[in-house]
Amino acid sequence: MAIEGAAAAHGTVAPGPAGSPPLLVELVALAHRRLTSGLAAALAEEDCTVDQWRVLRALADGEGRSMGELAQALLIPQASLSRLVDALADAGLVYRRQDDRDRRRITAHLSRQGGSRLSRLDALAAAHDRAVRAACGLPDPAGPLARLAAL
């Protein structure tokens, strides 16, 4: 892939065959990597990974989610998600319980401690987001990205 190797190390996308411009997927992949690495550095201040933060955010509405629902919503393989939720549960940030309507279904929920931690993490993420939006030089870069995500 054109964004691997030296090109990605310098934060640029290598030109395609015969000097053709980079494909949109290459630009989006590079942007994703740069955004995620910047967010990861910010969240590391609270000893948290991006995926752990995403799980906490997905549980913030208080509804609880099954592992399958979380895996689908976050696009994280279920085995990896199970390890993430296990670590968050060990830290007291989430807990599991049987669903009130279907006793066979186990749902993950944000604990009070998890909610407090999420508030701190969201503040770091929001600061990172503001910096990225300012650096983009666009009024709202989220609009075009939301349209791409909906494809």
N, C-alpha and C. Protein backbone atom coordinates (compact mmCIF):
# COMPACT_ATOMS: atom_id res chain seq x y z
N MET A 1 0.84 -1.18 0.00
CA MET A 1 0.00 0.00 0.00
C MET A 1 0.89 1.24 0.00
N ALA A 2 0.44 2.27 -0.68
CA ALA A 2 1.26 3.46 -0.86
C ALA A 2 1.52 4.22 0.43
N ILE A 3 0.69 4.06 1.45
CA ILE A 3 0.91 4.84 2.67
C ILE A 3 1.84 4.12 3.65
N GLU A 4 2.27 2.95 3.32
CA GLU A 4 3.19 2.23 4.19
C GLU A 4 4.61 2.76 4.01
N GLY A 5 5.49 2.32 4.88
CA GLY A 5 6.90 2.62 4.74
C GLY A 5 7.25 4.07 4.92
N ALA A 6 8.19 4.53 4.10
CA ALA A 6 8.74 5.87 4.24
C ALA A 6 7.69 6.96 4.07
N ALA A 7 6.77 6.75 3.16
CA ALA A 7 5.75 7.78 2.93
C ALA A 7 4.93 8.01 4.19
N ALA A 8 4.49 6.94 4.84
CA ALA A 8 3.68 7.08 6.05
C ALA A 8 4.52 7.66 7.18
N ALA A 9 5.79 7.33 7.23
CA ALA A 9 6.65 7.84 8.29
C ALA A 9 6.78 9.36 8.21
N HIS A 10 6.69 9.90 7.02
CA HIS A 10 6.80 11.35 6.84
C HIS A 10 5.44 12.03 6.82
N GLY A 11 4.37 11.25 6.96
CA GLY A 11 3.05 11.84 7.00
C GLY A 11 2.52 12.25 5.66
N THR A 12 3.01 11.65 4.60
CA THR A 12 2.52 11.96 3.27
C THR A 12 2.15 10.66 2.58
N VAL A 13 1.34 10.77 1.54
CA VAL A 13 0.96 9.62 0.76
C VAL A 13 1.81 9.62 -0.50
N ALA A 14 2.42 8.50 -0.78
CA ALA A 14 3.24 8.38 -1.99
C ALA A 14 2.34 8.42 -3.21
N PRO A 15 2.81 9.02 -4.31
CA PRO A 15 2.00 9.03 -5.52
C PRO A 15 1.79 7.60 -6.02
N GLY A 16 0.67 7.41 -6.72
CA GLY A 16 0.35 6.09 -7.25
C GLY A 16 1.14 5.81 -8.52
N PRO A 17 0.72 4.81 -9.27
CA PRO A 17 1.41 4.46 -10.52
C PRO A 17 1.47 5.66 -11.47
N ALA A 18 2.59 5.81 -12.10
CA ALA A 18 2.81 6.87 -13.08
C ALA A 18 2.51 8.25 -12.51
N GLY A 19 2.76 8.43 -11.21
CA GLY A 19 2.58 9.74 -10.60
C GLY A 19 1.14 10.15 -10.39
N SER A 20 0.20 9.20 -10.50
CA SER A 20 -1.21 9.54 -10.31
C SER A 20 -1.45 9.98 -8.87
N PRO A 21 -2.45 10.82 -8.66
CA PRO A 21 -2.73 11.29 -7.30
C PRO A 21 -3.14 10.13 -6.40
N PRO A 22 -2.94 10.28 -5.11
CA PRO A 22 -3.33 9.20 -4.19
C PRO A 22 -4.83 8.97 -4.22
N LEU A 23 -5.21 7.75 -3.99
CA LEU A 23 -6.63 7.42 -3.92
C LEU A 23 -7.21 7.96 -2.61
N LEU A 24 -8.50 8.21 -2.63
CA LEU A 24 -9.18 8.73 -1.45
C LEU A 24 -8.98 7.80 -0.25
N VAL A 25 -9.03 6.50 -0.49
CA VAL A 25 -8.84 5.55 0.61
C VAL A 25 -7.46 5.70 1.25
N GLU A 26 -6.46 6.02 0.46
CA GLU A 26 -5.12 6.24 1.01
C GLU A 26 -5.08 7.49 1.88
N LEU A 27 -5.72 8.55 1.42
CA LEU A 27 -5.75 9.79 2.19
C LEU A 27 -6.52 9.60 3.50
N VAL A 28 -7.65 8.92 3.42
CA VAL A 28 -8.45 8.69 4.63
C VAL A 28 -7.68 7.80 5.61
N ALA A 29 -7.00 6.78 5.11
CA ALA A 29 -6.23 5.89 5.98
C ALA A 29 -5.12 6.66 6.68
N LEU A 30 -4.43 7.52 5.96
CA LEU A 30 -3.36 8.31 6.57
C LEU A 30 -3.93 9.27 7.60
N ALA A 31 -5.04 9.93 7.26
CA ALA A 31 -5.67 10.85 8.21
C ALA A 31 -6.11 10.10 9.46
N HIS A 32 -6.69 8.93 9.28
CA HIS A 32 -7.11 8.11 10.42
C HIS A 32 -5.92 7.78 11.32
N ARG A 33 -4.84 7.36 10.74
CA ARG A 33 -3.66 6.99 11.53
C ARG A 33 -3.11 8.18 12.30
N ARG A 34 -3.06 9.33 11.64
CA ARG A 34 -2.52 10.52 12.32
C ARG A 34 -3.46 10.98 13.43
N LEU A 35 -4.76 11.00 13.16
CA LEU A 35 -5.73 11.40 14.19
C LEU A 35 -5.69 10.44 15.37
N THR A 36 -5.66 9.16 15.09
CA THR A 36 -5.66 8.16 16.15
C THR A 36 -4.38 8.22 16.97
N SER A 37 -3.26 8.43 16.33
CA SER A 37 -2.01 8.50 17.10
C SER A 37 -1.98 9.74 17.99
N GLY A 38 -2.53 10.84 17.51
CA GLY A 38 -2.60 12.04 18.35
C GLY A 38 -3.55 11.85 19.52
N LEU A 39 -4.70 11.23 19.27
CA LEU A 39 -5.65 10.95 20.34
C LEU A 39 -5.07 9.95 21.32
N ALA A 40 -4.38 8.94 20.82
CA ALA A 40 -3.76 7.94 21.70
C ALA A 40 -2.77 8.60 22.65
N ALA A 41 -2.00 9.54 22.13
CA ALA A 41 -1.03 10.25 22.99
C ALA A 41 -1.76 11.06 24.06
N ALA A 42 -2.87 11.68 23.71
CA ALA A 42 -3.63 12.46 24.69
C ALA A 42 -4.24 11.55 25.75
N LEU A 43 -4.82 10.43 25.34
CA LEU A 43 -5.46 9.52 26.28
C LEU A 43 -4.44 8.78 27.15
N ALA A 44 -3.24 8.65 26.65
CA ALA A 44 -2.19 7.97 27.44
C ALA A 44 -1.91 8.72 28.73
N GLU A 45 -2.21 10.02 28.77
CA GLU A 45 -2.04 10.79 30.01
C GLU A 45 -2.89 10.21 31.13
N GLU A 46 -3.99 9.55 30.78
CA GLU A 46 -4.88 8.91 31.76
C GLU A 46 -4.73 7.39 31.71
N ASP A 47 -3.66 6.90 31.10
CA ASP A 47 -3.39 5.46 31.01
C ASP A 47 -4.56 4.73 30.36
N CYS A 48 -5.00 5.24 29.22
CA CYS A 48 -6.14 4.67 28.51
C CYS A 48 -5.81 4.57 27.03
N THR A 49 -6.33 3.53 26.38
CA THR A 49 -6.16 3.40 24.94
C THR A 49 -7.37 3.98 24.22
N VAL A 50 -7.24 4.20 22.94
CA VAL A 50 -8.35 4.72 22.14
C VAL A 50 -9.52 3.74 22.17
N ASP A 51 -9.25 2.45 22.03
CA ASP A 51 -10.34 1.48 22.03
C ASP A 51 -11.02 1.39 23.39
N GLN A 52 -10.28 1.49 24.47
CA GLN A 52 -10.91 1.50 25.80
C GLN A 52 -11.83 2.71 25.93
N TRP A 53 -11.37 3.86 25.49
CA TRP A 53 -12.19 5.08 25.52
C TRP A 53 -13.45 4.90 24.68
N ARG A 54 -13.31 4.30 23.51
CA ARG A 54 -14.47 4.09 22.64
C ARG A 54 -15.50 3.18 23.29
N VAL A 55 -15.04 2.14 23.99
CA VAL A 55 -15.96 1.25 24.69
C VAL A 55 -16.70 2.03 25.79
N LEU A 56 -15.96 2.81 26.57
CA LEU A 56 -16.59 3.59 27.63
C LEU A 56 -17.64 4.55 27.04
N ARG A 57 -17.31 5.20 25.94
CA ARG A 57 -18.26 6.13 25.30
C ARG A 57 -19.50 5.39 24.81
N ALA A 58 -19.31 4.19 24.27
CA ALA A 58 -20.45 3.42 23.76
C ALA A 58 -21.39 3.00 24.88
N LEU A 59 -20.88 2.94 26.10
CA LEU A 59 -21.71 2.53 27.24
C LEU A 59 -22.24 3.72 28.03
N ALA A 60 -21.92 4.92 27.61
CA ALA A 60 -22.23 6.13 28.39
C ALA A 60 -23.72 6.44 28.48
N ASP A 61 -24.53 5.89 27.59
CA ASP A 61 -25.96 6.23 27.62
C ASP A 61 -26.72 5.49 28.71
N GLY A 62 -26.05 4.58 29.42
CA GLY A 62 -26.68 3.88 30.52
C GLY A 62 -27.58 2.72 30.12
N GLU A 63 -27.70 2.46 28.83
CA GLU A 63 -28.58 1.39 28.36
C GLU A 63 -27.97 0.00 28.48
N GLY A 64 -26.66 -0.09 28.49
CA GLY A 64 -26.01 -1.39 28.48
C GLY A 64 -26.00 -1.96 27.07
N ARG A 65 -24.99 -2.69 26.74
CA ARG A 65 -24.84 -3.28 25.41
C ARG A 65 -24.32 -4.70 25.56
N SER A 66 -24.80 -5.58 24.70
CA SER A 66 -24.23 -6.92 24.64
C SER A 66 -22.88 -6.82 23.94
N MET A 67 -22.09 -7.86 24.09
CA MET A 67 -20.78 -7.85 23.43
C MET A 67 -20.94 -7.80 21.91
N GLY A 68 -21.93 -8.49 21.39
CA GLY A 68 -22.18 -8.45 19.95
C GLY A 68 -22.54 -7.07 19.46
N GLU A 69 -23.39 -6.38 20.22
CA GLU A 69 -23.78 -5.01 19.85
C GLU A 69 -22.58 -4.08 19.89
N LEU A 70 -21.76 -4.22 20.94
CA LEU A 70 -20.57 -3.37 21.03
C LEU A 70 -19.60 -3.65 19.89
N ALA A 71 -19.37 -4.93 19.61
CA ALA A 71 -18.44 -5.30 18.53
C ALA A 71 -18.91 -4.71 17.20
N GLN A 72 -20.19 -4.80 16.94
CA GLN A 72 -20.74 -4.28 15.69
C GLN A 72 -20.66 -2.76 15.64
N ALA A 73 -21.02 -2.11 16.73
CA ALA A 73 -21.03 -0.64 16.75
C ALA A 73 -19.62 -0.06 16.66
N LEU A 74 -18.65 -0.71 17.29
CA LEU A 74 -17.29 -0.17 17.35
C LEU A 74 -16.36 -0.75 16.30
N LEU A 75 -16.86 -1.72 15.53
CA LEU A 75 -16.04 -2.39 14.51
C LEU A 75 -14.77 -2.97 15.12
N ILE A 76 -14.94 -3.64 16.25
CA ILE A 76 -13.84 -4.32 16.94
C ILE A 76 -14.18 -5.80 16.96
N PRO A 77 -13.25 -6.68 16.56
CA PRO A 77 -13.53 -8.11 16.61
C PRO A 77 -13.94 -8.53 18.04
N GLN A 78 -14.89 -9.45 18.11
CA GLN A 78 -15.46 -9.80 19.41
C GLN A 78 -14.41 -10.32 20.39
N ALA A 79 -13.43 -11.08 19.92
CA ALA A 79 -12.39 -11.58 20.83
C ALA A 79 -11.57 -10.43 21.42
N SER A 80 -11.23 -9.46 20.59
CA SER A 80 -10.48 -8.29 21.07
C SER A 80 -11.34 -7.47 22.03
N LEU A 81 -12.61 -7.33 21.69
CA LEU A 81 -13.52 -6.57 22.54
C LEU A 81 -13.67 -7.24 23.90
N SER A 82 -13.74 -8.55 23.92
CA SER A 82 -13.85 -9.26 25.20
C SER A 82 -12.66 -8.96 26.09
N ARG A 83 -11.47 -8.94 25.52
CA ARG A 83 -10.27 -8.60 26.31
C ARG A 83 -10.34 -7.16 26.81
N LEU A 84 -10.81 -6.25 25.96
CA LEU A 84 -10.95 -4.85 26.38
C LEU A 84 -11.93 -4.71 27.54
N VAL A 85 -13.08 -5.33 27.40
CA VAL A 85 -14.11 -5.24 28.44
C VAL A 85 -13.63 -5.92 29.72
N ASP A 86 -12.93 -7.04 29.58
CA ASP A 86 -12.37 -7.71 30.77
C ASP A 86 -11.44 -6.76 31.52
N ALA A 87 -10.56 -6.09 30.80
CA ALA A 87 -9.62 -5.16 31.44
C ALA A 87 -10.36 -3.99 32.08
N LEU A 88 -11.37 -3.47 31.41
CA LEU A 88 -12.16 -2.36 31.97
C LEU A 88 -12.94 -2.81 33.20
N ALA A 89 -13.44 -4.05 33.18
CA ALA A 89 -14.15 -4.58 34.34
C ALA A 89 -13.19 -4.79 35.51
N ASP A 90 -11.99 -5.30 35.22
CA ASP A 90 -10.98 -5.50 36.27
C ASP A 90 -10.62 -4.17 36.93
N ALA A 91 -10.65 -3.10 36.16
CA ALA A 91 -10.33 -1.76 36.69
C ALA A 91 -11.54 -1.10 37.35
N GLY A 92 -12.69 -1.76 37.31
CA GLY A 92 -13.89 -1.22 37.93
C GLY A 92 -14.60 -0.15 37.11
N LEU A 93 -14.27 -0.06 35.84
CA LEU A 93 -14.85 0.98 34.99
C LEU A 93 -16.15 0.54 34.31
N VAL A 94 -16.29 -0.75 34.13
CA VAL A 94 -17.53 -1.32 33.58
C VAL A 94 -17.90 -2.54 34.41
N TYR A 95 -19.14 -2.95 34.25
CA TYR A 95 -19.58 -4.19 34.89
C TYR A 95 -20.54 -4.89 33.95
N ARG A 96 -20.71 -6.18 34.17
CA ARG A 96 -21.62 -6.98 33.36
C ARG A 96 -22.79 -7.42 34.22
N ARG A 97 -23.96 -7.56 33.57
CA ARG A 97 -25.11 -8.12 34.29
C ARG A 97 -26.06 -8.78 33.31
N GLN A 98 -26.91 -9.63 33.84
CA GLN A 98 -27.92 -10.27 33.01
C GLN A 98 -28.95 -9.24 32.59
N ASP A 99 -29.39 -9.37 31.35
CA ASP A 99 -30.43 -8.49 30.83
C ASP A 99 -31.74 -8.77 31.58
N ASP A 100 -32.47 -7.72 31.90
CA ASP A 100 -33.72 -7.87 32.63
C ASP A 100 -34.78 -8.64 31.83
N ARG A 101 -34.79 -8.49 30.53
CA ARG A 101 -35.80 -9.14 29.70
C ARG A 101 -35.39 -10.52 29.22
N ASP A 102 -34.10 -10.74 28.99
CA ASP A 102 -33.62 -12.03 28.49
C ASP A 102 -32.45 -12.47 29.36
N ARG A 103 -32.69 -13.39 30.26
CA ARG A 103 -31.68 -13.81 31.23
C ARG A 103 -30.46 -14.47 30.58
N ARG A 104 -30.58 -14.90 29.35
CA ARG A 104 -29.43 -15.51 28.65
C ARG A 104 -28.48 -14.44 28.14
N ARG A 105 -28.94 -13.23 28.06
CA ARG A 105 -28.16 -12.12 27.48
C ARG A 105 -27.42 -11.37 28.58
N ILE A 106 -26.10 -11.22 28.40
CA ILE A 106 -25.27 -10.47 29.34
C ILE A 106 -24.93 -9.13 28.70
N THR A 107 -25.11 -8.06 29.45
CA THR A 107 -24.83 -6.73 28.92
C THR A 107 -23.73 -6.07 29.73
N ALA A 108 -22.98 -5.22 29.07
CA ALA A 108 -21.92 -4.44 29.72
C ALA A 108 -22.48 -3.05 30.00
N HIS A 109 -22.09 -2.50 31.15
CA HIS A 109 -22.57 -1.19 31.60
C HIS A 109 -21.41 -0.37 32.14
N LEU A 110 -21.53 0.93 32.04
CA LEU A 110 -20.54 1.84 32.60
C LEU A 110 -20.79 2.00 34.10
N SER A 111 -19.75 1.82 34.90
CA SER A 111 -19.88 2.02 36.34
C SER A 111 -19.78 3.50 36.67
N ARG A 112 -20.08 3.86 37.91
CA ARG A 112 -19.92 5.26 38.33
C ARG A 112 -18.47 5.71 38.16
N GLN A 113 -17.56 4.83 38.58
CA GLN A 113 -16.13 5.14 38.41
C GLN A 113 -15.79 5.30 36.93
N GLY A 114 -16.39 4.45 36.09
CA GLY A 114 -16.17 4.56 34.65
C GLY A 114 -16.69 5.87 34.10
N GLY A 115 -17.83 6.32 34.62
CA GLY A 115 -18.40 7.60 34.19
C GLY A 115 -17.49 8.76 34.54
N SER A 116 -16.91 8.72 35.74
CA SER A 116 -15.98 9.78 36.15
C SER A 116 -14.74 9.77 35.28
N ARG A 117 -14.24 8.57 35.03
CA ARG A 117 -13.05 8.45 34.18
C ARG A 117 -13.35 8.93 32.77
N LEU A 118 -14.52 8.56 32.27
CA LEU A 118 -14.91 8.97 30.92
C LEU A 118 -14.97 10.49 30.81
N SER A 119 -15.43 11.17 31.83
CA SER A 119 -15.47 12.64 31.81
C SER A 119 -14.08 13.22 31.60
N ARG A 120 -13.10 12.68 32.31
CA ARG A 120 -11.72 13.16 32.14
C ARG A 120 -11.19 12.83 30.75
N LEU A 121 -11.48 11.61 30.29
CA LEU A 121 -11.00 11.19 28.96
C LEU A 121 -11.66 12.03 27.86
N ASP A 122 -12.95 12.28 28.00
CA ASP A 122 -13.65 13.09 27.00
C ASP A 122 -13.10 14.51 26.94
N ALA A 123 -12.68 15.05 28.08
CA ALA A 123 -12.08 16.39 28.07
C ALA A 123 -10.77 16.38 27.28
N LEU A 124 -9.97 15.34 27.45
CA LEU A 124 -8.72 15.23 26.67
C LEU A 124 -9.04 15.05 25.19
N ALA A 125 -10.01 14.21 24.88
CA ALA A 125 -10.39 13.98 23.49
C ALA A 125 -10.95 15.24 22.85
N ALA A 126 -11.74 16.00 23.60
CA ALA A 126 -12.31 17.24 23.07
C ALA A 126 -11.22 18.27 22.78
N ALA A 127 -10.22 18.35 23.65
CA ALA A 127 -9.10 19.27 23.40
C ALA A 127 -8.35 18.85 22.14
N HIS A 128 -8.14 17.55 21.97
CA HIS A 128 -7.48 17.05 20.76
C HIS A 128 -8.34 17.37 19.54
N ASP A 129 -9.64 17.17 19.64
CA ASP A 129 -10.55 17.44 18.54
C ASP A 129 -10.51 18.91 18.13
N ARG A 130 -10.53 19.80 19.13
CA ARG A 130 -10.48 21.24 18.81
C ARG A 130 -9.18 21.59 18.08
N ALA A 131 -8.08 21.02 18.53
CA ALA A 131 -6.79 21.29 17.88
C ALA A 131 -6.78 20.78 16.44
N VAL A 132 -7.32 19.61 16.23
CA VAL A 132 -7.36 19.04 14.87
C VAL A 132 -8.25 19.88 13.97
N ARG A 133 -9.43 20.26 14.47
CA ARG A 133 -10.33 21.08 13.66
C ARG A 133 -9.69 22.41 13.31
N ALA A 134 -8.99 23.01 14.25
CA ALA A 134 -8.31 24.28 13.98
C ALA A 134 -7.22 24.09 12.94
N ALA A 135 -6.48 22.99 13.04
CA ALA A 135 -5.39 22.74 12.10
C ALA A 135 -5.89 22.44 10.70
N CYS A 136 -7.10 21.92 10.57
CA CYS A 136 -7.65 21.60 9.25
C CYS A 136 -7.89 22.84 8.41
N GLY A 137 -8.23 23.93 9.05
CA GLY A 137 -8.51 25.14 8.31
C GLY A 137 -9.85 25.11 7.60
N LEU A 138 -10.71 24.15 7.95
CA LEU A 138 -12.04 24.06 7.38
C LEU A 138 -13.06 24.42 8.45
N PRO A 139 -14.17 25.03 8.07
CA PRO A 139 -15.17 25.38 9.09
C PRO A 139 -15.64 24.15 9.89
N ASP A 140 -15.95 23.05 9.20
CA ASP A 140 -16.35 21.84 9.89
C ASP A 140 -15.93 20.62 9.08
N PRO A 141 -14.73 20.10 9.35
CA PRO A 141 -14.28 18.92 8.59
C PRO A 141 -15.10 17.67 8.86
N ALA A 142 -15.92 17.69 9.91
CA ALA A 142 -16.71 16.51 10.26
C ALA A 142 -17.81 16.24 9.23
N GLY A 143 -18.31 17.26 8.59
CA GLY A 143 -19.39 17.07 7.61
C GLY A 143 -19.02 16.12 6.48
N PRO A 144 -17.95 16.41 5.74
CA PRO A 144 -17.57 15.48 4.66
C PRO A 144 -17.20 14.08 5.20
N LEU A 145 -16.59 14.04 6.36
CA LEU A 145 -16.22 12.73 6.92
C LEU A 145 -17.46 11.92 7.29
N ALA A 146 -18.46 12.59 7.83
CA ALA A 146 -19.70 11.90 8.17
C ALA A 146 -20.36 11.34 6.91
N ARG A 147 -20.30 12.09 5.81
CA ARG A 147 -20.87 11.61 4.56
C ARG A 147 -20.10 10.38 4.07
N LEU A 148 -18.78 10.40 4.19
CA LEU A 148 -17.97 9.25 3.79
C LEU A 148 -18.29 8.04 4.67
N ALA A 149 -18.44 8.26 5.95
CA ALA A 149 -18.71 7.16 6.88
C ALA A 149 -20.07 6.52 6.62
N ALA A 150 -20.99 7.28 6.04
CA ALA A 150 -22.33 6.76 5.78
C ALA A 150 -22.40 5.96 4.48
N LEU A 151 -21.35 5.98 3.68
CA LEU A 151 -21.39 5.25 2.39
C LEU A 151 -21.53 3.77 2.59
